[in-house]
All heavy atoms as atom14 arrays in JSON, in Angstrom:
{
  "sequence": "DFEVIPGITSSISVPAYAGIPVTHRGLARSFHVFTGHTMENG",
  "atom14_mask": [
    [1, 1, 1, 1, 1, 1, 1, 1, 0, 0, 0, 0, 0, 0],
    [1, 1, 1, 1, 1, 1, 1, 1, 1, 1, 1, 0, 0, 0],
    [1, 1, 1, 1, 1, 1, 1, 1, 1, 0, 0, 0, 0, 0],
    [1, 1, 1, 1, 1, 1, 1, 0, 0, 0, 0, 0, 0, 0],
    [1, 1, 1, 1, 1, 1, 1, 1, 0, 0, 0, 0, 0, 0],
    [1, 1, 1, 1, 1, 1, 1, 0, 0, 0, 0, 0, 0, 0],
    [1, 1, 1, 1, 0, 0, 0, 0, 0, 0, 0, 0, 0, 0],
    [1, 1, 1, 1, 1, 1, 1, 1, 0, 0, 0, 0, 0, 0],
    [1, 1, 1, 1, 1, 1, 1, 0, 0, 0, 0, 0, 0, 0],
    [1, 1, 1, 1, 1, 1, 0, 0, 0, 0, 0, 0, 0, 0],
    [1, 1, 1, 1, 1, 1, 0, 0, 0, 0, 0, 0, 0, 0],
    [1, 1, 1, 1, 1, 1, 1, 1, 0, 0, 0, 0, 0, 0],
    [1, 1, 1, 1, 1, 1, 0, 0, 0, 0, 0, 0, 0, 0],
    [1, 1, 1, 1, 1, 1, 1, 0, 0, 0, 0, 0, 0, 0],
    [1, 1, 1, 1, 1, 1, 1, 0, 0, 0, 0, 0, 0, 0],
    [1, 1, 1, 1, 1, 0, 0, 0, 0, 0, 0, 0, 0, 0],
    [1, 1, 1, 1, 1, 1, 1, 1, 1, 1, 1, 1, 0, 0],
    [1, 1, 1, 1, 1, 0, 0, 0, 0, 0, 0, 0, 0, 0],
    [1, 1, 1, 1, 0, 0, 0, 0, 0, 0, 0, 0, 0, 0],
    [1, 1, 1, 1, 1, 1, 1, 1, 0, 0, 0, 0, 0, 0],
    [1, 1, 1, 1, 1, 1, 1, 0, 0, 0, 0, 0, 0, 0],
    [1, 1, 1, 1, 1, 1, 1, 0, 0, 0, 0, 0, 0, 0],
    [1, 1, 1, 1, 1, 1, 1, 0, 0, 0, 0, 0, 0, 0],
    [1, 1, 1, 1, 1, 1, 1, 1, 1, 1, 0, 0, 0, 0],
    [1, 1, 1, 1, 1, 1, 1, 1, 1, 1, 1, 0, 0, 0],
    [1, 1, 1, 1, 0, 0, 0, 0, 0, 0, 0, 0, 0, 0],
    [1, 1, 1, 1, 1, 1, 1, 1, 0, 0, 0, 0, 0, 0],
    [1, 1, 1, 1, 1, 0, 0, 0, 0, 0, 0, 0, 0, 0],
    [1, 1, 1, 1, 1, 1, 1, 1, 1, 1, 1, 0, 0, 0],
    [1, 1, 1, 1, 1, 1, 0, 0, 0, 0, 0, 0, 0, 0],
    [1, 1, 1, 1, 1, 1, 1, 1, 1, 1, 1, 0, 0, 0],
    [1, 1, 1, 1, 1, 1, 1, 1, 1, 1, 0, 0, 0, 0],
    [1, 1, 1, 1, 1, 1, 1, 0, 0, 0, 0, 0, 0, 0],
    [1, 1, 1, 1, 1, 1, 1, 1, 1, 1, 1, 0, 0, 0],
    [1, 1, 1, 1, 1, 1, 1, 0, 0, 0, 0, 0, 0, 0],
    [1, 1, 1, 1, 0, 0, 0, 0, 0, 0, 0, 0, 0, 0],
    [1, 1, 1, 1, 1, 1, 1, 1, 1, 1, 0, 0, 0, 0],
    [1, 1, 1, 1, 1, 1, 1, 0, 0, 0, 0, 0, 0, 0],
    [1, 1, 1, 1, 1, 1, 1, 1, 0, 0, 0, 0, 0, 0],
    [1, 1, 1, 1, 1, 1, 1, 1, 1, 0, 0, 0, 0, 0],
    [1, 1, 1, 1, 1, 1, 1, 1, 0, 0, 0, 0, 0, 0],
    [1, 1, 1, 1, 0, 0, 0, 0, 0, 0, 0, 0, 0, 0]
  ],
  "atom14_positions": [
    [[-5.01, -12.56, -25.77], [-3.84, -12.84, -24.94], [-3.46, -11.6, -24.13], [-3.58, -10.46, -24.62], [-2.65, -13.24, -25.82], [-2.79, -14.63, -26.38], [-3.62, -15.39, -25.85], [-2.09, -14.96, -27.36], [0.0, 0.0, 0.0], [0.0, 0.0, 0.0], [0.0, 0.0, 0.0], [0.0, 0.0, 0.0], [0.0, 0.0, 0.0], [0.0, 0.0, 0.0]],
    [[-2.98, -11.83, -22.93], [-2.57, -10.71, -22.09], [-1.39, -11.11, -21.22], [-1.07, -12.28, -21.05], [-3.74, -10.24, -21.2], [-4.15, -11.24, -20.16], [-3.58, -11.22, -18.89], [-5.1, -12.21, -20.45], [-3.95, -12.16, -17.94], [-5.47, -13.15, -19.51], [-4.9, -13.13, -18.25], [0.0, 0.0, 0.0], [0.0, 0.0, 0.0], [0.0, 0.0, 0.0]],
    [[-0.76, -10.1, -20.67], [0.35, -10.31, -19.74], [0.27, -9.21, -18.68], [-0.09, -8.07, -18.99], [1.68, -10.22, -20.49], [2.89, -10.68, -19.7], [4.15, -10.78, -20.56], [4.02, -11.11, -21.76], [5.23, -10.51, -20.03], [0.0, 0.0, 0.0], [0.0, 0.0, 0.0], [0.0, 0.0, 0.0], [0.0, 0.0, 0.0], [0.0, 0.0, 0.0]],
    [[0.6, -9.54, -17.45], [0.59, -8.57, -16.36], [2.02, -8.22, -15.98], [2.84, -9.1, -15.74], [-0.16, -9.12, -15.13], [-0.11, -8.11, -13.98], [-1.6, -9.46, -15.49], [0.0, 0.0, 0.0], [0.0, 0.0, 0.0], [0.0, 0.0, 0.0], [0.0, 0.0, 0.0], [0.0, 0.0, 0.0], [0.0, 0.0, 0.0], [0.0, 0.0, 0.0]],
    [[2.32, -6.93, -15.95], [3.62, -6.45, -15.5], [3.39, -5.69, -14.2], [2.87, -4.57, -14.22], [4.33, -5.55, -16.55], [4.69, -6.35, -17.79], [5.59, -4.96, -15.97], [3.6, -6.48, -18.79], [0.0, 0.0, 0.0], [0.0, 0.0, 0.0], [0.0, 0.0, 0.0], [0.0, 0.0, 0.0], [0.0, 0.0, 0.0], [0.0, 0.0, 0.0]],
    [[3.73, -6.28, -13.07], [3.47, -5.62, -11.78], [4.2, -4.28, -11.68], [5.23, -4.06, -12.33], [4.03, -6.62, -10.75], [4.12, -7.92, -11.48], [4.39, -7.58, -12.91], [0.0, 0.0, 0.0], [0.0, 0.0, 0.0], [0.0, 0.0, 0.0], [0.0, 0.0, 0.0], [0.0, 0.0, 0.0], [0.0, 0.0, 0.0], [0.0, 0.0, 0.0]],
    [[3.66, -3.41, -10.86], [4.3, -2.13, -10.6], [4.52, -1.93, -9.12], [3.93, -2.63, -8.29], [0.0, 0.0, 0.0], [0.0, 0.0, 0.0], [0.0, 0.0, 0.0], [0.0, 0.0, 0.0], [0.0, 0.0, 0.0], [0.0, 0.0, 0.0], [0.0, 0.0, 0.0], [0.0, 0.0, 0.0], [0.0, 0.0, 0.0], [0.0, 0.0, 0.0]],
    [[5.35, -0.97, -8.76], [5.59, -0.67, -7.34], [4.37, 0.07, -6.82], [4.06, 1.17, -7.26], [6.85, 0.19, -7.17], [8.07, -0.54, -7.73], [7.06, 0.55, -5.72], [9.33, 0.28, -7.71], [0.0, 0.0, 0.0], [0.0, 0.0, 0.0], [0.0, 0.0, 0.0], [0.0, 0.0, 0.0], [0.0, 0.0, 0.0], [0.0, 0.0, 0.0]],
    [[3.67, -0.53, -5.89], [2.44, 0.07, -5.38], [2.73, 1.32, -4.55], [3.7, 1.35, -3.76], [1.62, -0.92, -4.55], [0.54, -0.22, -3.93], [2.45, -1.6, -3.48], [0.0, 0.0, 0.0], [0.0, 0.0, 0.0], [0.0, 0.0, 0.0], [0.0, 0.0, 0.0], [0.0, 0.0, 0.0], [0.0, 0.0, 0.0], [0.0, 0.0, 0.0]],
    [[1.89, 2.3, -4.68], [2.06, 3.54, -3.91], [1.87, 3.31, -2.42], [2.32, 4.11, -1.6], [1.07, 4.6, -4.4], [-0.25, 4.16, -4.23], [0.0, 0.0, 0.0], [0.0, 0.0, 0.0], [0.0, 0.0, 0.0], [0.0, 0.0, 0.0], [0.0, 0.0, 0.0], [0.0, 0.0, 0.0], [0.0, 0.0, 0.0], [0.0, 0.0, 0.0]],
    [[1.22, 2.22, -2.05], [0.93, 1.97, -0.63], [2.21, 1.77, 0.19], [2.2, 2.01, 1.4], [0.03, 0.75, -0.48], [0.66, -0.41, -1.0], [0.0, 0.0, 0.0], [0.0, 0.0, 0.0], [0.0, 0.0, 0.0], [0.0, 0.0, 0.0], [0.0, 0.0, 0.0], [0.0, 0.0, 0.0], [0.0, 0.0, 0.0], [0.0, 0.0, 0.0]],
    [[3.3, 1.35, -0.44], [4.57, 1.22, 0.29], [5.61, 2.23, -0.2], [6.43, 2.71, 0.58], [5.13, -0.21, 0.2], [5.35, -0.63, -1.26], [4.22, -1.2, 0.92], [6.06, -1.97, -1.41], [0.0, 0.0, 0.0], [0.0, 0.0, 0.0], [0.0, 0.0, 0.0], [0.0, 0.0, 0.0], [0.0, 0.0, 0.0], [0.0, 0.0, 0.0]],
    [[5.56, 2.57, -1.5], [6.61, 3.43, -2.06], [6.43, 4.9, -1.68], [7.41, 5.6, -1.38], [6.66, 3.3, -3.58], [5.41, 3.59, -4.15], [0.0, 0.0, 0.0], [0.0, 0.0, 0.0], [0.0, 0.0, 0.0], [0.0, 0.0, 0.0], [0.0, 0.0, 0.0], [0.0, 0.0, 0.0], [0.0, 0.0, 0.0], [0.0, 0.0, 0.0]],
    [[5.2, 5.37, -1.69], [4.96, 6.79, -1.35], [5.32, 7.06, 0.12], [6.0, 8.05, 0.42], [3.52, 7.2, -1.7], [3.18, 8.55, -1.08], [3.37, 7.26, -3.22], [0.0, 0.0, 0.0], [0.0, 0.0, 0.0], [0.0, 0.0, 0.0], [0.0, 0.0, 0.0], [0.0, 0.0, 0.0], [0.0, 0.0, 0.0], [0.0, 0.0, 0.0]],
    [[4.9, 6.21, 1.07], [5.39, 6.42, 2.44], [6.91, 6.39, 2.53], [7.51, 7.18, 3.27], [4.76, 5.26, 3.22], [3.55, 4.89, 2.45], [3.9, 5.14, 1.01], [0.0, 0.0, 0.0], [0.0, 0.0, 0.0], [0.0, 0.0, 0.0], [0.0, 0.0, 0.0], [0.0, 0.0, 0.0], [0.0, 0.0, 0.0], [0.0, 0.0, 0.0]],
    [[7.54, 5.5, 1.77], [9.01, 5.43, 1.78], [9.63, 6.73, 1.32], [10.63, 7.2, 1.88], [9.49, 4.27, 0.9], [0.0, 0.0, 0.0], [0.0, 0.0, 0.0], [0.0, 0.0, 0.0], [0.0, 0.0, 0.0], [0.0, 0.0, 0.0], [0.0, 0.0, 0.0], [0.0, 0.0, 0.0], [0.0, 0.0, 0.0], [0.0, 0.0, 0.0]],
    [[9.04, 7.36, 0.29], [9.55, 8.65, -0.2], [9.31, 9.76, 0.82], [9.94, 10.81, 0.76], [8.9, 9.0, -1.54], [9.73, 8.59, -2.73], [10.02, 7.25, -2.97], [10.24, 9.53, -3.61], [10.78, 6.86, -4.04], [11.01, 9.15, -4.7], [11.27, 7.81, -4.92], [12.04, 7.43, -5.99], [0.0, 0.0, 0.0], [0.0, 0.0, 0.0]],
    [[8.4, 9.53, 1.74], [8.13, 10.51, 2.79], [8.91, 10.19, 4.07], [8.75, 10.86, 5.08], [6.64, 10.56, 3.1], [0.0, 0.0, 0.0], [0.0, 0.0, 0.0], [0.0, 0.0, 0.0], [0.0, 0.0, 0.0], [0.0, 0.0, 0.0], [0.0, 0.0, 0.0], [0.0, 0.0, 0.0], [0.0, 0.0, 0.0], [0.0, 0.0, 0.0]],
    [[9.75, 9.16, 4.0], [10.52, 8.77, 5.18], [9.72, 8.0, 6.21], [10.04, 8.02, 7.4], [0.0, 0.0, 0.0], [0.0, 0.0, 0.0], [0.0, 0.0, 0.0], [0.0, 0.0, 0.0], [0.0, 0.0, 0.0], [0.0, 0.0, 0.0], [0.0, 0.0, 0.0], [0.0, 0.0, 0.0], [0.0, 0.0, 0.0], [0.0, 0.0, 0.0]],
    [[8.69, 7.29, 5.73], [7.83, 6.52, 6.65], [7.84, 5.05, 6.23], [7.29, 4.7, 5.18], [6.38, 7.05, 6.63], [6.34, 8.53, 7.04], [5.49, 6.21, 7.55], [4.98, 9.17, 6.83], [0.0, 0.0, 0.0], [0.0, 0.0, 0.0], [0.0, 0.0, 0.0], [0.0, 0.0, 0.0], [0.0, 0.0, 0.0], [0.0, 0.0, 0.0]],
    [[8.45, 4.17, 7.02], [8.4, 2.73, 6.71], [7.04, 2.18, 7.15], [6.55, 2.54, 8.22], [9.53, 2.15, 7.56], [9.63, 3.08, 8.72], [9.24, 4.45, 8.23], [0.0, 0.0, 0.0], [0.0, 0.0, 0.0], [0.0, 0.0, 0.0], [0.0, 0.0, 0.0], [0.0, 0.0, 0.0], [0.0, 0.0, 0.0], [0.0, 0.0, 0.0]],
    [[6.43, 1.34, 6.36], [5.1, 0.83, 6.75], [5.21, -0.2, 7.86], [4.22, -0.45, 8.58], [4.32, 0.27, 5.53], [3.93, 1.4, 4.59], [5.1, -0.8, 4.81], [0.0, 0.0, 0.0], [0.0, 0.0, 0.0], [0.0, 0.0, 0.0], [0.0, 0.0, 0.0], [0.0, 0.0, 0.0], [0.0, 0.0, 0.0], [0.0, 0.0, 0.0]],
    [[6.39, -0.82, 8.01], [6.62, -1.69, 9.17], [7.94, -1.29, 9.81], [8.85, -0.8, 9.14], [6.68, -3.18, 8.78], [7.82, -3.41, 7.93], [5.42, -3.62, 8.07], [0.0, 0.0, 0.0], [0.0, 0.0, 0.0], [0.0, 0.0, 0.0], [0.0, 0.0, 0.0], [0.0, 0.0, 0.0], [0.0, 0.0, 0.0], [0.0, 0.0, 0.0]],
    [[8.04, -1.51, 11.13], [9.28, -1.22, 11.84], [9.26, -1.99, 13.16], [8.22, -1.99, 13.86], [9.44, 0.28, 12.1], [10.77, 0.67, 12.66], [11.91, 0.73, 11.9], [11.14, 1.0, 13.94], [12.93, 1.11, 12.66], [12.49, 1.26, 13.89], [0.0, 0.0, 0.0], [0.0, 0.0, 0.0], [0.0, 0.0, 0.0], [0.0, 0.0, 0.0]],
    [[10.38, -2.61, 13.48], [10.44, -3.43, 14.7], [10.04, -2.6, 15.92], [10.53, -1.5, 16.13], [11.85, -3.99, 14.89], [11.99, -4.83, 16.16], [13.39, -5.33, 16.37], [13.73, -6.38, 15.44], [14.85, -7.1, 15.51], [15.73, -6.86, 16.45], [15.09, -8.04, 14.62], [0.0, 0.0, 0.0], [0.0, 0.0, 0.0], [0.0, 0.0, 0.0]],
    [[9.16, -3.16, 16.69], [8.71, -2.52, 17.92], [7.56, -1.54, 17.73], [6.94, -1.13, 18.71], [0.0, 0.0, 0.0], [0.0, 0.0, 0.0], [0.0, 0.0, 0.0], [0.0, 0.0, 0.0], [0.0, 0.0, 0.0], [0.0, 0.0, 0.0], [0.0, 0.0, 0.0], [0.0, 0.0, 0.0], [0.0, 0.0, 0.0], [0.0, 0.0, 0.0]],
    [[7.27, -1.17, 16.49], [6.19, -0.22, 16.22], [5.06, -0.82, 15.4], [3.89, -0.59, 15.69], [6.74, 1.02, 15.51], [7.62, 1.97, 16.31], [8.05, 3.15, 15.44], [6.88, 2.49, 17.54], [0.0, 0.0, 0.0], [0.0, 0.0, 0.0], [0.0, 0.0, 0.0], [0.0, 0.0, 0.0], [0.0, 0.0, 0.0], [0.0, 0.0, 0.0]],
    [[5.42, -1.53, 14.33], [4.38, -2.1, 13.45], [4.91, -3.39, 12.83], [5.89, -3.35, 12.07], [4.0, -1.1, 12.37], [0.0, 0.0, 0.0], [0.0, 0.0, 0.0], [0.0, 0.0, 0.0], [0.0, 0.0, 0.0], [0.0, 0.0, 0.0], [0.0, 0.0, 0.0], [0.0, 0.0, 0.0], [0.0, 0.0, 0.0], [0.0, 0.0, 0.0]],
    [[4.24, -4.49, 13.15], [4.64, -5.8, 12.6], [3.81, -6.16, 11.38], [3.98, -7.23, 10.8], [4.51, -6.87, 13.68], [5.4, -6.63, 14.88], [5.18, -7.66, 15.97], [5.47, -9.01, 15.52], [5.22, -10.11, 16.23], [4.64, -10.0, 17.41], [5.52, -11.29, 15.75], [0.0, 0.0, 0.0], [0.0, 0.0, 0.0], [0.0, 0.0, 0.0]],
    [[2.89, -5.29, 11.0], [2.05, -5.55, 9.82], [1.59, -4.21, 9.25], [1.66, -3.18, 9.92], [0.82, -6.4, 10.21], [0.01, -5.69, 11.14], [0.0, 0.0, 0.0], [0.0, 0.0, 0.0], [0.0, 0.0, 0.0], [0.0, 0.0, 0.0], [0.0, 0.0, 0.0], [0.0, 0.0, 0.0], [0.0, 0.0, 0.0], [0.0, 0.0, 0.0]],
    [[1.13, -4.25, 8.01], [0.48, -3.07, 7.46], [-0.74, -3.53, 6.66], [-0.79, -4.64, 6.13], [1.43, -2.22, 6.6], [1.89, -2.85, 5.33], [1.25, -2.58, 4.12], [2.98, -3.71, 5.31], [1.67, -3.15, 2.94], [3.42, -4.29, 4.12], [2.77, -4.01, 2.94], [0.0, 0.0, 0.0], [0.0, 0.0, 0.0], [0.0, 0.0, 0.0]],
    [[-1.74, -2.66, 6.58], [-3.02, -3.01, 5.99], [-3.42, -1.9, 5.03], [-3.41, -0.72, 5.38], [-4.07, -3.15, 7.1], [-3.59, -3.99, 8.25], [-3.78, -5.34, 8.32], [-2.87, -3.66, 9.37], [-3.23, -5.82, 9.43], [-2.66, -4.81, 10.08], [0.0, 0.0, 0.0], [0.0, 0.0, 0.0], [0.0, 0.0, 0.0], [0.0, 0.0, 0.0]],
    [[-3.76, -2.3, 3.81], [-4.05, -1.33, 2.76], [-5.54, -1.36, 2.44], [-6.12, -2.42, 2.19], [-3.23, -1.64, 1.48], [-3.48, -0.57, 0.42], [-1.75, -1.74, 1.81], [0.0, 0.0, 0.0], [0.0, 0.0, 0.0], [0.0, 0.0, 0.0], [0.0, 0.0, 0.0], [0.0, 0.0, 0.0], [0.0, 0.0, 0.0], [0.0, 0.0, 0.0]],
    [[-6.14, -0.16, 2.42], [-7.58, -0.04, 2.15], [-7.81, 1.01, 1.07], [-7.04, 1.96, 0.94], [-8.33, 0.41, 3.42], [-8.09, -0.45, 4.62], [-7.07, -0.14, 5.51], [-8.88, -1.56, 4.87], [-6.85, -0.93, 6.63], [-8.66, -2.35, 5.99], [-7.64, -2.04, 6.87], [0.0, 0.0, 0.0], [0.0, 0.0, 0.0], [0.0, 0.0, 0.0]],
    [[-8.87, 0.85, 0.33], [-9.31, 1.93, -0.54], [-10.02, 2.97, 0.31], [-10.73, 2.63, 1.26], [-10.25, 1.43, -1.66], [-10.74, 2.57, -2.38], [-11.44, 0.67, -1.1], [0.0, 0.0, 0.0], [0.0, 0.0, 0.0], [0.0, 0.0, 0.0], [0.0, 0.0, 0.0], [0.0, 0.0, 0.0], [0.0, 0.0, 0.0], [0.0, 0.0, 0.0]],
    [[-9.83, 4.22, -0.04], [-10.5, 5.28, 0.68], [-11.88, 5.58, 0.16], [-12.56, 6.48, 0.64], [0.0, 0.0, 0.0], [0.0, 0.0, 0.0], [0.0, 0.0, 0.0], [0.0, 0.0, 0.0], [0.0, 0.0, 0.0], [0.0, 0.0, 0.0], [0.0, 0.0, 0.0], [0.0, 0.0, 0.0], [0.0, 0.0, 0.0], [0.0, 0.0, 0.0]],
    [[-12.32, 4.83, -0.86], [-13.63, 5.05, -1.47], [-14.66, 4.09, -0.9], [-14.33, 2.96, -0.51], [-13.57, 4.82, -2.98], [-12.84, 5.89, -3.71], [-13.0, 7.22, -3.44], [-11.94, 5.81, -4.71], [-12.23, 7.94, -4.25], [-11.57, 7.1, -5.03], [0.0, 0.0, 0.0], [0.0, 0.0, 0.0], [0.0, 0.0, 0.0], [0.0, 0.0, 0.0]],
    [[-15.88, 4.52, -0.9], [-16.98, 3.59, -0.62], [-17.2, 2.74, -1.86], [-16.8, 3.11, -2.96], [-18.28, 4.35, -0.31], [-18.56, 5.24, -1.4], [-18.14, 5.15, 0.98], [0.0, 0.0, 0.0], [0.0, 0.0, 0.0], [0.0, 0.0, 0.0], [0.0, 0.0, 0.0], [0.0, 0.0, 0.0], [0.0, 0.0, 0.0], [0.0, 0.0, 0.0]],
    [[-17.84, 1.59, -1.69], [-18.15, 0.74, -2.84], [-19.32, 1.32, -3.61], [-20.02, 2.21, -3.13], [-18.47, -0.69, -2.37], [-17.28, -1.39, -1.73], [-17.7, -3.05, -1.16], [-18.01, -3.87, -2.71], [0.0, 0.0, 0.0], [0.0, 0.0, 0.0], [0.0, 0.0, 0.0], [0.0, 0.0, 0.0], [0.0, 0.0, 0.0], [0.0, 0.0, 0.0]],
    [[-19.53, 0.82, -4.82], [-20.6, 1.35, -5.68], [-21.98, 1.19, -5.04], [-22.88, 1.99, -5.29], [-20.56, 0.64, -7.04], [-19.35, 1.05, -7.87], [-19.16, 0.15, -9.09], [-20.17, -0.36, -9.59], [-18.03, -0.04, -9.52], [0.0, 0.0, 0.0], [0.0, 0.0, 0.0], [0.0, 0.0, 0.0], [0.0, 0.0, 0.0], [0.0, 0.0, 0.0]],
    [[-22.12, 0.18, -4.21], [-23.43, -0.02, -3.55], [-23.53, 0.75, -2.23], [-24.48, 0.58, -1.48], [-23.68, -1.52, -3.31], [-22.6, -2.15, -2.43], [-21.79, -1.44, -1.85], [-22.62, -3.46, -2.34], [0.0, 0.0, 0.0], [0.0, 0.0, 0.0], [0.0, 0.0, 0.0], [0.0, 0.0, 0.0], [0.0, 0.0, 0.0], [0.0, 0.0, 0.0]],
    [[-22.52, 1.6, -1.97], [-22.57, 2.44, -0.78], [-22.01, 1.79, 0.47], [-21.95, 2.42, 1.53], [0.0, 0.0, 0.0], [0.0, 0.0, 0.0], [0.0, 0.0, 0.0], [0.0, 0.0, 0.0], [0.0, 0.0, 0.0], [0.0, 0.0, 0.0], [0.0, 0.0, 0.0], [0.0, 0.0, 0.0], [0.0, 0.0, 0.0], [0.0, 0.0, 0.0]]
  ]
}
């Protein structure tokens, strides 16, 4: 048996702590999150 407890992802919270909103009217209507690593198969 398992249960998932979601956490606040760094992809939105860390920019917020730096004073950077990931979306803002007139500048960004979307945000896209990527891993910075290559996959295991390269």
